[in-house]
Amino acid sequence: MRKMTREEKERQIHKEAKATLILFAVCFVWHVGFAYGLSGRVSVRILSLPLWWWLSVPGVFAVAVIGVVFLLKKVFVNFSLEDDDFEDDSEENKEGGRA
């Protein structure tokens, strides 16, 4: 686990939140775009379901899974949300009180 300052943690949290919102927007546009964009325009059917359904519903699931894997590997960082400065001070105070 990585040691970070409070400012670095806040920047990382904002970065992760923005990336997650971007992935949500991509999934929303994908889902709605194929659902309404192809509906009634393309008459292709697969297993009695229209092509727009296959691209919209299972397709958005695949996009979301790929997006989450990308976020986990490239954007998200494992760090403690605890305030490390506060913990260090409290440990010093405990040691000082024992002596």
Protein backbone atom coordinates (compact mmCIF):
# COMPACT_ATOMS: atom_id res chain seq x y z
CA MET A 1 0.00 0.00 0.00
CA ARG A 2 1.31 3.40 -0.96
CA LYS A 3 1.94 6.23 1.53
CA MET A 4 0.37 9.47 0.35
CA THR A 5 -0.15 12.93 1.74
CA ARG A 6 -3.63 14.22 2.33
CA GLU A 7 -3.44 16.38 -0.82
CA GLU A 8 -2.29 13.44 -2.94
CA LYS A 9 -5.15 11.35 -1.59
CA GLU A 10 -7.69 14.05 -2.42
CA ARG A 11 -6.30 14.42 -5.97
CA GLN A 12 -6.40 10.63 -6.44
CA ILE A 13 -9.98 10.42 -5.15
CA HIS A 14 -11.07 13.15 -7.59
CA LYS A 15 -9.20 11.45 -10.44
CA GLU A 16 -10.93 8.12 -9.70
CA ALA A 17 -14.34 9.79 -9.43
CA LYS A 18 -13.89 11.61 -12.77
CA ALA A 19 -12.75 8.42 -14.50
CA THR A 20 -15.74 6.53 -13.11
CA LEU A 21 -18.15 9.24 -14.31
CA ILE A 22 -16.54 9.18 -17.76
CA LEU A 23 -17.01 5.39 -17.92
CA PHE A 24 -20.64 5.83 -16.84
CA ALA A 25 -21.19 8.41 -19.60
CA VAL A 26 -19.59 6.10 -22.19
CA CYS A 27 -21.85 3.23 -21.09
CA PHE A 28 -24.93 5.47 -21.12
CA VAL A 29 -24.20 6.78 -24.62
CA TRP A 30 -23.46 3.24 -25.85
CA HIS A 31 -26.69 1.84 -24.39
CA VAL A 32 -29.01 4.63 -25.48
CA GLY A 33 -27.22 5.16 -28.79
CA PHE A 34 -27.65 1.59 -29.97
CA ALA A 35 -31.13 1.21 -28.44
CA TYR A 36 -32.58 4.28 -30.13
CA GLY A 37 -30.12 4.65 -32.99
CA LEU A 38 -30.72 1.23 -34.54
CA SER A 39 -34.29 0.65 -33.39
CA GLY A 40 -36.55 0.44 -36.45
CA ARG A 41 -33.70 1.15 -38.89
CA VAL A 42 -32.01 -2.26 -38.99
CA SER A 43 -34.11 -5.38 -39.39
CA VAL A 44 -31.37 -7.91 -38.55
CA ARG A 45 -32.42 -10.47 -35.93
CA ILE A 46 -30.30 -12.87 -33.91
CA LEU A 47 -32.15 -15.60 -31.97
CA SER A 48 -35.41 -13.71 -32.61
CA LEU A 49 -34.06 -10.55 -30.95
CA PRO A 50 -33.25 -7.41 -32.94
CA LEU A 51 -29.65 -6.41 -33.49
CA TRP A 52 -30.09 -3.19 -31.49
CA TRP A 53 -30.97 -5.25 -28.40
CA TRP A 54 -27.82 -7.38 -28.71
CA LEU A 55 -25.60 -4.33 -29.13
CA SER A 56 -27.36 -2.31 -26.46
CA VAL A 57 -27.97 -4.68 -23.53
CA PRO A 58 -25.22 -7.33 -23.58
CA GLY A 59 -22.96 -4.91 -25.42
CA VAL A 60 -23.06 -2.30 -22.66
CA PHE A 61 -22.29 -5.02 -20.12
CA ALA A 62 -19.14 -5.96 -22.06
CA VAL A 63 -18.13 -2.30 -22.38
CA ALA A 64 -18.66 -1.78 -18.64
CA VAL A 65 -16.59 -4.83 -17.67
CA ILE A 66 -13.74 -3.84 -19.99
CA GLY A 67 -13.94 -0.27 -18.66
CA VAL A 68 -13.82 -1.36 -15.03
CA VAL A 69 -10.82 -3.62 -15.68
CA PHE A 70 -9.07 -0.68 -17.38
CA LEU A 71 -9.88 1.63 -14.44
CA LEU A 72 -8.60 -0.90 -11.92
CA LYS A 73 -5.32 -1.40 -13.78
CA LYS A 74 -4.58 2.17 -14.91
CA VAL A 75 -6.45 4.68 -12.72
CA PHE A 76 -7.26 3.30 -9.28
CA VAL A 77 -4.54 3.23 -6.61
CA ASN A 78 -4.60 1.25 -3.37
CA PHE A 79 -4.05 3.59 -0.43
CA SER A 80 -5.29 3.96 3.12
CA LEU A 81 -8.01 6.52 3.77
CA GLU A 82 -6.80 6.91 7.35
CA ASP A 83 -5.01 10.13 8.21
CA ASP A 84 -1.42 8.89 8.57
CA ASP A 85 -0.21 12.13 10.22
CA PHE A 86 -2.80 11.74 12.97
CA GLU A 87 -1.83 8.10 13.56
CA ASP A 88 1.89 8.99 13.80
CA ASP A 89 1.17 11.74 16.36
CA SER A 90 -1.05 9.51 18.47
CA GLU A 91 1.58 6.73 18.53
CA GLU A 92 4.25 9.20 19.67
CA ASN A 93 1.94 10.47 22.41
CA LYS A 94 1.24 6.94 23.61
CA GLU A 95 4.96 6.12 23.74
CA GLY A 96 5.70 9.41 25.50
CA GLY A 97 2.99 8.74 28.07
CA ARG A 98 4.34 5.30 28.94
CA ALA A 99 7.85 6.44 29.78
